[in-house]
N, C-alpha and C. Protein backbone atom coordinates (compact mmCIF):
# COMPACT_ATOMS: atom_id res chain seq x y z
N GLU A 1 121.26 80.47 91.68
CA GLU A 1 122.64 80.24 92.11
C GLU A 1 123.59 80.23 90.90
N GLU A 2 123.16 79.61 89.80
CA GLU A 2 123.96 79.56 88.58
C GLU A 2 124.21 80.96 88.03
N ARG A 3 123.20 81.84 88.10
CA ARG A 3 123.35 83.23 87.64
C ARG A 3 124.40 83.98 88.46
N GLY A 4 124.39 83.74 89.77
CA GLY A 4 125.36 84.38 90.66
C GLY A 4 126.79 84.00 90.31
N LYS A 5 127.01 82.72 89.97
CA LYS A 5 128.34 82.26 89.58
C LYS A 5 128.78 82.92 88.28
N LYS A 6 127.85 83.02 87.32
CA LYS A 6 128.17 83.65 86.03
C LYS A 6 128.53 85.12 86.23
N ARG A 7 127.75 85.80 87.06
CA ARG A 7 128.01 87.22 87.33
C ARG A 7 129.37 87.40 88.00
N SER A 8 129.67 86.52 88.97
CA SER A 8 130.94 86.58 89.67
C SER A 8 132.09 86.33 88.71
N TRP A 9 131.93 85.35 87.81
CA TRP A 9 132.96 85.03 86.84
C TRP A 9 133.18 86.20 85.89
N LYS A 10 132.08 86.81 85.42
CA LYS A 10 132.20 87.96 84.51
C LYS A 10 132.90 89.13 85.19
N LYS A 11 132.60 89.34 86.46
CA LYS A 11 133.23 90.43 87.21
C LYS A 11 134.75 90.19 87.30
N LYS A 12 135.15 88.93 87.57
CA LYS A 12 136.58 88.60 87.65
C LYS A 12 137.24 88.79 86.29
N GLU A 13 136.57 88.34 85.22
CA GLU A 13 137.12 88.48 83.87
C GLU A 13 137.30 89.95 83.50
N ARG A 14 136.33 90.80 83.87
CA ARG A 14 136.42 92.24 83.59
C ARG A 14 137.60 92.85 84.34
N LYS A 15 137.80 92.42 85.58
CA LYS A 15 138.90 92.91 86.40
C LYS A 15 140.24 92.52 85.77
N ILE A 16 140.34 91.30 85.26
CA ILE A 16 141.56 90.85 84.60
C ILE A 16 141.82 91.67 83.35
N GLN A 17 140.79 91.93 82.56
CA GLN A 17 140.94 92.73 81.34
C GLN A 17 141.42 94.14 81.68
N MET A 18 140.83 94.75 82.70
CA MET A 18 141.24 96.10 83.09
C MET A 18 142.69 96.12 83.53
N SER A 19 143.13 95.07 84.24
CA SER A 19 144.50 94.98 84.71
C SER A 19 145.46 94.95 83.52
N ARG A 20 145.08 94.25 82.46
CA ARG A 20 145.94 94.14 81.29
C ARG A 20 146.03 95.45 80.51
N THR A 21 144.98 96.26 80.56
CA THR A 21 144.93 97.45 79.72
C THR A 21 145.06 98.75 80.50
N ARG A 22 145.47 98.68 81.74
CA ARG A 22 145.58 99.88 82.57
C ARG A 22 146.59 100.85 81.96
N PRO A 23 146.26 102.12 81.92
CA PRO A 23 147.22 103.13 81.39
C PRO A 23 148.49 103.17 82.23
N ALA A 24 149.58 103.53 81.61
CA ALA A 24 150.89 103.63 82.28
C ALA A 24 150.91 104.82 83.23
N PHE A 25 151.85 104.80 84.15
CA PHE A 25 152.09 105.92 85.05
C PHE A 25 153.33 106.65 84.56
N THR A 26 153.24 107.97 84.43
CA THR A 26 154.39 108.78 84.07
C THR A 26 154.80 109.58 85.30
N ASP A 27 156.02 109.33 85.76
CA ASP A 27 156.53 110.03 86.93
C ASP A 27 156.77 111.49 86.55
N PRO A 28 156.07 112.44 87.19
CA PRO A 28 156.23 113.85 86.83
C PRO A 28 157.63 114.40 87.13
N ALA A 29 158.33 113.79 88.07
CA ALA A 29 159.67 114.29 88.43
C ALA A 29 160.73 113.86 87.41
N THR A 30 160.56 112.66 86.83
CA THR A 30 161.60 112.13 85.93
C THR A 30 161.11 111.94 84.49
N ASN A 31 159.80 112.01 84.30
CA ASN A 31 159.17 111.76 82.99
C ASN A 31 159.31 110.30 82.54
N ILE A 32 159.67 109.40 83.45
CA ILE A 32 159.77 107.98 83.14
C ILE A 32 158.37 107.37 83.16
N ARG A 33 158.07 106.56 82.12
CA ARG A 33 156.77 105.87 82.04
C ARG A 33 156.92 104.46 82.60
N TYR A 34 155.97 104.07 83.46
CA TYR A 34 155.96 102.75 84.06
C TYR A 34 154.72 101.99 83.62
N ASP A 35 154.91 100.77 83.13
CA ASP A 35 153.79 99.90 82.79
C ASP A 35 153.17 99.40 84.10
N CYS A 36 151.88 99.58 84.26
CA CYS A 36 151.20 99.20 85.50
C CYS A 36 150.28 98.00 85.30
N SER A 37 150.32 97.39 84.13
CA SER A 37 149.47 96.23 83.85
C SER A 37 150.03 94.99 84.55
N ASN A 38 149.13 94.07 84.88
CA ASN A 38 149.50 92.77 85.46
C ASN A 38 150.41 92.90 86.67
N GLY A 39 149.93 93.60 87.68
CA GLY A 39 150.69 93.78 88.91
C GLY A 39 150.89 92.49 89.67
N ASP A 40 151.88 92.48 90.54
CA ASP A 40 152.14 91.31 91.39
C ASP A 40 151.04 91.17 92.44
N SER A 41 150.57 92.29 92.97
CA SER A 41 149.44 92.34 93.91
C SER A 41 148.63 93.58 93.57
N GLU A 42 147.32 93.47 93.68
CA GLU A 42 146.44 94.61 93.41
C GLU A 42 145.26 94.58 94.36
N GLY A 43 144.74 95.76 94.68
CA GLY A 43 143.55 95.82 95.51
C GLY A 43 143.31 97.20 96.09
N TRP A 44 142.17 97.30 96.77
CA TRP A 44 141.75 98.57 97.36
C TRP A 44 142.33 98.74 98.75
N LEU A 45 142.87 99.92 99.00
CA LEU A 45 143.30 100.36 100.33
C LEU A 45 142.83 101.81 100.48
N THR A 46 142.72 102.26 101.70
CA THR A 46 142.40 103.67 101.94
C THR A 46 143.67 104.34 102.43
N LYS A 47 144.02 105.45 101.81
CA LYS A 47 145.29 106.14 102.04
C LYS A 47 145.04 107.52 102.63
N GLN A 48 145.86 107.91 103.59
CA GLN A 48 145.76 109.27 104.13
C GLN A 48 146.46 110.22 103.15
N SER A 49 145.76 111.29 102.79
CA SER A 49 146.33 112.24 101.83
C SER A 49 147.48 113.02 102.47
N ALA A 50 148.40 113.43 101.64
CA ALA A 50 149.61 114.10 102.12
C ALA A 50 149.33 115.47 102.72
N TRP A 51 148.45 116.25 102.10
CA TRP A 51 148.27 117.63 102.52
C TRP A 51 147.13 117.83 103.51
N LEU A 52 145.95 117.33 103.18
CA LEU A 52 144.78 117.58 104.04
C LEU A 52 144.62 116.54 105.15
N ARG A 53 145.37 115.44 105.04
CA ARG A 53 145.31 114.35 106.02
C ARG A 53 143.93 113.68 106.08
N ASP A 54 143.14 113.82 105.02
CA ASP A 54 141.88 113.08 105.00
C ASP A 54 142.13 111.72 104.34
N TRP A 55 141.17 110.82 104.47
CA TRP A 55 141.33 109.45 104.00
C TRP A 55 140.63 109.27 102.66
N ARG A 56 141.36 108.69 101.70
CA ARG A 56 140.82 108.49 100.35
C ARG A 56 141.05 107.06 99.91
N ARG A 57 139.99 106.44 99.42
CA ARG A 57 140.08 105.06 98.92
C ARG A 57 140.78 105.06 97.57
N ARG A 58 141.81 104.23 97.44
CA ARG A 58 142.61 104.17 96.21
C ARG A 58 142.85 102.72 95.82
N TYR A 59 143.03 102.51 94.52
CA TYR A 59 143.35 101.18 94.01
C TYR A 59 144.87 101.09 93.90
N PHE A 60 145.47 100.11 94.59
CA PHE A 60 146.92 99.96 94.63
C PHE A 60 147.38 98.82 93.74
N ILE A 61 148.50 99.05 93.07
CA ILE A 61 149.11 98.07 92.19
C ILE A 61 150.57 97.94 92.60
N LEU A 62 150.95 96.76 93.09
CA LEU A 62 152.34 96.48 93.42
C LEU A 62 152.94 95.75 92.23
N LYS A 63 153.96 96.34 91.65
CA LYS A 63 154.64 95.71 90.51
C LYS A 63 156.14 95.89 90.69
N GLY A 64 156.82 94.78 90.94
CA GLY A 64 158.26 94.84 91.20
C GLY A 64 158.55 95.67 92.43
N SER A 65 159.34 96.70 92.28
CA SER A 65 159.73 97.54 93.42
C SER A 65 158.92 98.84 93.49
N LYS A 66 157.80 98.89 92.76
CA LYS A 66 156.98 100.10 92.73
C LYS A 66 155.57 99.80 93.24
N LEU A 67 155.05 100.70 94.04
CA LEU A 67 153.68 100.61 94.53
C LEU A 67 152.93 101.83 93.98
N PHE A 68 152.05 101.58 93.00
CA PHE A 68 151.28 102.64 92.35
C PHE A 68 149.92 102.75 93.00
N PHE A 69 149.30 103.94 92.91
CA PHE A 69 147.92 104.06 93.36
C PHE A 69 147.13 104.94 92.40
N ALA A 70 145.84 104.56 92.26
CA ALA A 70 144.96 105.21 91.30
C ALA A 70 143.59 105.41 91.93
N LYS A 71 142.76 106.24 91.29
CA LYS A 71 141.42 106.49 91.80
C LYS A 71 140.46 105.34 91.53
N SER A 72 140.77 104.52 90.49
CA SER A 72 139.92 103.37 90.19
C SER A 72 140.78 102.25 89.61
N GLU A 73 140.17 101.07 89.45
CA GLU A 73 140.89 99.91 88.90
C GLU A 73 141.37 100.15 87.48
N SER A 74 140.64 100.95 86.72
CA SER A 74 140.96 101.12 85.30
C SER A 74 141.65 102.44 84.96
N SER A 75 141.72 103.37 85.91
CA SER A 75 142.33 104.68 85.61
C SER A 75 143.85 104.62 85.74
N ALA A 76 144.51 105.57 85.11
CA ALA A 76 145.97 105.66 85.20
C ALA A 76 146.36 106.02 86.63
N PRO A 77 147.35 105.34 87.17
CA PRO A 77 147.81 105.71 88.52
C PRO A 77 148.27 107.17 88.55
N HIS A 78 148.06 107.82 89.69
CA HIS A 78 148.49 109.21 89.84
C HIS A 78 149.56 109.36 90.91
N GLY A 79 149.97 108.22 91.50
CA GLY A 79 150.99 108.28 92.53
C GLY A 79 151.83 107.02 92.55
N LEU A 80 153.01 107.14 93.16
CA LEU A 80 153.98 106.05 93.18
C LEU A 80 154.77 106.09 94.47
N VAL A 81 154.97 104.92 95.07
CA VAL A 81 155.90 104.78 96.20
C VAL A 81 157.01 103.86 95.69
N ASP A 82 158.24 104.35 95.69
CA ASP A 82 159.38 103.55 95.26
C ASP A 82 159.85 102.73 96.46
N LEU A 83 159.58 101.42 96.41
CA LEU A 83 159.89 100.56 97.55
C LEU A 83 161.39 100.35 97.74
N ALA A 84 162.18 100.69 96.73
CA ALA A 84 163.64 100.62 96.88
C ALA A 84 164.12 101.65 97.91
N LEU A 85 163.31 102.68 98.15
CA LEU A 85 163.66 103.72 99.11
C LEU A 85 163.03 103.48 100.49
N CYS A 86 162.22 102.43 100.60
CA CYS A 86 161.49 102.17 101.85
C CYS A 86 162.36 101.48 102.88
N THR A 87 162.15 101.86 104.12
CA THR A 87 162.89 101.27 105.23
C THR A 87 162.04 100.27 105.99
N THR A 88 160.71 100.53 106.09
CA THR A 88 159.84 99.61 106.84
C THR A 88 158.44 99.57 106.28
N VAL A 89 157.78 98.45 106.53
CA VAL A 89 156.34 98.33 106.36
C VAL A 89 155.87 97.58 107.60
N LYS A 90 154.87 98.12 108.27
CA LYS A 90 154.42 97.48 109.51
C LYS A 90 152.99 97.90 109.85
N SER A 91 152.43 97.17 110.79
CA SER A 91 151.09 97.46 111.27
C SER A 91 151.09 98.83 111.96
N ALA A 92 149.97 99.57 111.84
CA ALA A 92 149.97 100.94 112.38
C ALA A 92 148.60 101.37 112.91
N GLU A 93 147.89 100.46 113.56
CA GLU A 93 146.55 100.79 114.06
C GLU A 93 146.56 101.98 115.02
N LEU A 94 147.53 102.00 115.94
CA LEU A 94 147.58 103.09 116.93
C LEU A 94 147.93 104.42 116.26
N LYS A 95 148.93 104.40 115.41
CA LYS A 95 149.38 105.63 114.75
C LYS A 95 148.29 106.22 113.86
N ALA A 96 147.61 105.36 113.11
CA ALA A 96 146.57 105.82 112.18
C ALA A 96 145.21 105.98 112.85
N GLN A 97 145.06 105.37 114.01
CA GLN A 97 143.78 105.32 114.71
C GLN A 97 142.69 104.73 113.83
N LYS A 98 143.08 103.66 113.08
CA LYS A 98 142.16 102.94 112.19
C LYS A 98 142.44 101.45 112.33
N ARG A 99 141.39 100.65 112.21
CA ARG A 99 141.57 99.19 112.19
C ARG A 99 142.25 98.80 110.88
N ASN A 100 143.02 97.73 110.92
CA ASN A 100 143.68 97.16 109.74
C ASN A 100 144.62 98.14 109.04
N ALA A 101 145.23 99.02 109.84
CA ALA A 101 146.12 100.05 109.27
C ALA A 101 147.56 99.52 109.15
N LEU A 102 148.26 100.10 108.16
CA LEU A 102 149.67 99.79 107.97
C LEU A 102 150.39 101.06 107.57
N GLU A 103 151.69 101.07 107.79
CA GLU A 103 152.48 102.21 107.35
C GLU A 103 153.63 101.72 106.49
N VAL A 104 153.94 102.49 105.47
CA VAL A 104 155.07 102.25 104.59
C VAL A 104 155.95 103.48 104.72
N SER A 105 157.20 103.27 105.15
CA SER A 105 158.06 104.42 105.46
C SER A 105 159.32 104.47 104.61
N THR A 106 159.65 105.69 104.16
CA THR A 106 160.94 105.98 103.54
C THR A 106 161.67 106.88 104.54
N ALA A 107 162.86 107.31 104.19
CA ALA A 107 163.62 108.21 105.07
C ALA A 107 162.89 109.54 105.28
N THR A 108 162.10 109.95 104.27
CA THR A 108 161.46 111.27 104.34
C THR A 108 159.94 111.25 104.46
N THR A 109 159.28 110.13 104.15
CA THR A 109 157.81 110.10 104.12
C THR A 109 157.27 108.83 104.74
N THR A 110 156.19 108.96 105.49
CA THR A 110 155.46 107.80 105.99
C THR A 110 154.07 107.83 105.39
N TYR A 111 153.72 106.73 104.71
CA TYR A 111 152.40 106.59 104.10
C TYR A 111 151.53 105.76 105.04
N LEU A 112 150.38 106.29 105.43
CA LEU A 112 149.44 105.55 106.26
C LEU A 112 148.31 105.06 105.38
N LEU A 113 148.00 103.77 105.52
CA LEU A 113 146.98 103.11 104.71
C LEU A 113 146.16 102.21 105.62
N TYR A 114 144.94 101.86 105.18
CA TYR A 114 144.25 100.79 105.88
C TYR A 114 143.45 99.94 104.90
N ALA A 115 143.37 98.66 105.25
CA ALA A 115 142.69 97.67 104.42
C ALA A 115 141.28 97.42 104.97
N ASP A 116 140.47 96.74 104.18
CA ASP A 116 139.11 96.41 104.61
C ASP A 116 139.09 95.30 105.66
N THR A 117 140.06 94.38 105.59
CA THR A 117 140.10 93.26 106.53
C THR A 117 141.52 93.07 107.07
N GLU A 118 141.63 92.35 108.17
CA GLU A 118 142.94 92.06 108.74
C GLU A 118 143.77 91.20 107.79
N LYS A 119 143.12 90.23 107.13
CA LYS A 119 143.83 89.37 106.18
C LYS A 119 144.42 90.20 105.04
N GLU A 120 143.64 91.14 104.49
CA GLU A 120 144.16 92.00 103.42
C GLU A 120 145.34 92.83 103.91
N LYS A 121 145.24 93.35 105.13
CA LYS A 121 146.36 94.12 105.71
C LYS A 121 147.60 93.24 105.79
N ASP A 122 147.45 92.03 106.34
CA ASP A 122 148.59 91.12 106.48
C ASP A 122 149.17 90.74 105.12
N ASP A 123 148.30 90.52 104.12
CA ASP A 123 148.77 90.19 102.77
C ASP A 123 149.58 91.34 102.17
N TRP A 124 149.10 92.57 102.34
CA TRP A 124 149.82 93.74 101.82
C TRP A 124 151.16 93.91 102.53
N ILE A 125 151.18 93.76 103.86
CA ILE A 125 152.44 93.89 104.60
C ILE A 125 153.44 92.84 104.10
N GLY A 126 152.97 91.62 103.88
CA GLY A 126 153.84 90.56 103.37
C GLY A 126 154.36 90.85 101.98
N SER A 127 153.48 91.26 101.08
CA SER A 127 153.88 91.54 99.69
C SER A 127 154.83 92.72 99.59
N ILE A 128 154.51 93.80 100.31
CA ILE A 128 155.37 94.99 100.29
C ILE A 128 156.71 94.67 100.96
N GLY A 129 156.66 93.93 102.06
CA GLY A 129 157.89 93.55 102.75
C GLY A 129 158.81 92.74 101.86
N LYS A 130 158.26 91.79 101.12
CA LYS A 130 159.08 90.99 100.19
C LYS A 130 159.68 91.88 99.10
N ALA A 131 158.91 92.83 98.60
CA ALA A 131 159.42 93.74 97.57
C ALA A 131 160.56 94.59 98.12
N ILE A 132 160.44 95.04 99.36
CA ILE A 132 161.51 95.84 99.99
C ILE A 132 162.77 94.99 100.13
N VAL A 133 162.62 93.75 100.58
CA VAL A 133 163.77 92.86 100.76
C VAL A 133 164.44 92.59 99.41
N ARG A 134 163.65 92.37 98.36
CA ARG A 134 164.23 92.12 97.03
C ARG A 134 165.06 93.31 96.55
N CYS A 135 164.70 94.51 96.99
CA CYS A 135 165.44 95.73 96.60
C CYS A 135 166.71 95.91 97.41
N SER A 136 166.78 95.28 98.56
CA SER A 136 167.91 95.53 99.46
C SER A 136 169.18 94.88 98.92
N SER A 137 170.32 95.44 99.27
CA SER A 137 171.61 94.95 98.76
C SER A 137 171.99 93.61 99.36
N THR A 138 171.34 93.19 100.44
CA THR A 138 171.70 91.92 101.08
C THR A 138 170.87 90.75 100.58
N PHE A 139 169.96 90.99 99.65
CA PHE A 139 169.16 89.90 99.08
C PHE A 139 169.86 89.39 97.84
N HIS A 140 170.00 88.08 97.74
CA HIS A 140 170.66 87.46 96.60
C HIS A 140 169.64 86.75 95.73
N ASP A 141 169.88 86.69 94.43
CA ASP A 141 168.93 86.10 93.48
C ASP A 141 168.60 84.65 93.77
N ASP A 142 169.44 83.95 94.52
CA ASP A 142 169.15 82.55 94.82
C ASP A 142 168.11 82.41 95.93
N GLY A 143 167.56 83.54 96.36
CA GLY A 143 166.51 83.52 97.38
C GLY A 143 167.05 83.54 98.79
N GLU A 144 168.37 83.59 98.94
CA GLU A 144 168.99 83.58 100.26
C GLU A 144 169.12 85.00 100.78
N TYR A 145 168.81 85.18 102.04
CA TYR A 145 168.90 86.50 102.66
C TYR A 145 170.04 86.47 103.66
N ASN A 146 171.00 87.37 103.54
CA ASN A 146 172.10 87.48 104.49
C ASN A 146 171.90 88.72 105.33
N SER A 147 171.85 88.52 106.63
CA SER A 147 171.71 89.69 107.51
C SER A 147 173.06 90.38 107.63
N ASP A 148 173.05 91.58 108.16
CA ASP A 148 174.29 92.33 108.36
C ASP A 148 175.22 91.58 109.31
N GLU A 149 174.64 90.86 110.30
CA GLU A 149 175.45 90.10 111.25
C GLU A 149 176.27 89.04 110.53
N GLU A 150 175.63 88.31 109.59
CA GLU A 150 176.34 87.28 108.84
C GLU A 150 177.46 87.90 108.02
N ASP A 151 177.22 89.07 107.42
CA ASP A 151 178.23 89.76 106.65
C ASP A 151 179.42 90.14 107.54
N ASP A 152 179.13 90.62 108.75
CA ASP A 152 180.18 91.00 109.69
C ASP A 152 181.01 89.79 110.10
N GLU A 153 180.34 88.63 110.35
CA GLU A 153 181.04 87.40 110.73
C GLU A 153 181.98 86.96 109.61
N ASP A 154 181.51 87.03 108.36
CA ASP A 154 182.33 86.64 107.22
C ASP A 154 183.57 87.53 107.13
N GLU A 155 183.41 88.84 107.34
CA GLU A 155 184.54 89.77 107.28
C GLU A 155 185.55 89.47 108.39
N GLU A 156 185.04 89.14 109.61
CA GLU A 156 185.94 88.83 110.73
C GLU A 156 186.75 87.57 110.43
N GLU A 157 186.10 86.54 109.86
CA GLU A 157 186.80 85.30 109.51
C GLU A 157 187.89 85.57 108.47
N GLU A 158 187.58 86.39 107.46
CA GLU A 158 188.56 86.73 106.43
C GLU A 158 189.75 87.47 107.04
N GLU A 159 189.48 88.39 107.99
CA GLU A 159 190.55 89.13 108.63
C GLU A 159 191.45 88.21 109.45
N GLU A 160 190.83 87.22 110.17
CA GLU A 160 191.60 86.26 110.96
C GLU A 160 192.50 85.42 110.06
N GLU A 161 191.96 84.97 108.90
CA GLU A 161 192.74 84.18 107.95
C GLU A 161 193.91 85.00 107.42
N GLU A 162 193.69 86.28 107.13
CA GLU A 162 194.75 87.14 106.65
C GLU A 162 195.85 87.30 107.71
N ASP A 163 195.43 87.41 109.00
CA ASP A 163 196.39 87.57 110.09
C ASP A 163 197.27 86.33 110.21
N GLU A 164 196.68 85.13 110.03
CA GLU A 164 197.44 83.88 110.15
C GLU A 164 198.51 83.80 109.06
N ASP A 165 198.23 84.35 107.90
CA ASP A 165 199.19 84.31 106.79
C ASP A 165 200.25 85.39 106.89
N ASN A 166 200.09 86.33 107.80
CA ASN A 166 201.00 87.45 107.91
C ASN A 166 202.24 87.05 108.71
N PRO A 167 203.43 87.01 108.06
CA PRO A 167 204.64 86.60 108.79
C PRO A 167 205.12 87.67 109.78
N TYR A 168 204.65 88.90 109.67
CA TYR A 168 205.09 90.01 110.52
C TYR A 168 204.19 90.21 111.72
N ARG A 169 203.35 89.25 112.02
CA ARG A 169 202.37 89.37 113.08
C ARG A 169 202.98 89.36 114.44
């Protein structure tokens, strides 16, 4: 039993080391280099490929507003989803015809993924969802989220106050 704990600890330590030393991702479209070490969330998901529509297991790294994917924990990521461009993240078992599936959508692309467990799927949906909200213009640094309805109400109140001050009303 003691050996099993040591092995498990060594495996975790190796994973942490790989996370710290992971090669950067260079976006081929912009030539911008992104540091992918010490992600906010990391783990294995299976992703549907863009062209052949087959399923490939990839290691995902969520860091800030970027979701990177690589062939292994230690290899340089070869793909990126910019969560600032994403409109939704949601469960997608029916669409993907896979258990524990989720979809991440932008205006032009929908990424289908699936996790090994329901808990992992829910964790990814939560983490990606928070990253999307942080990118949105209605999220404030104080952690407060204002919906569009609240913004509309504020504008209506301001307009009413302006009308009351208008002597030509």
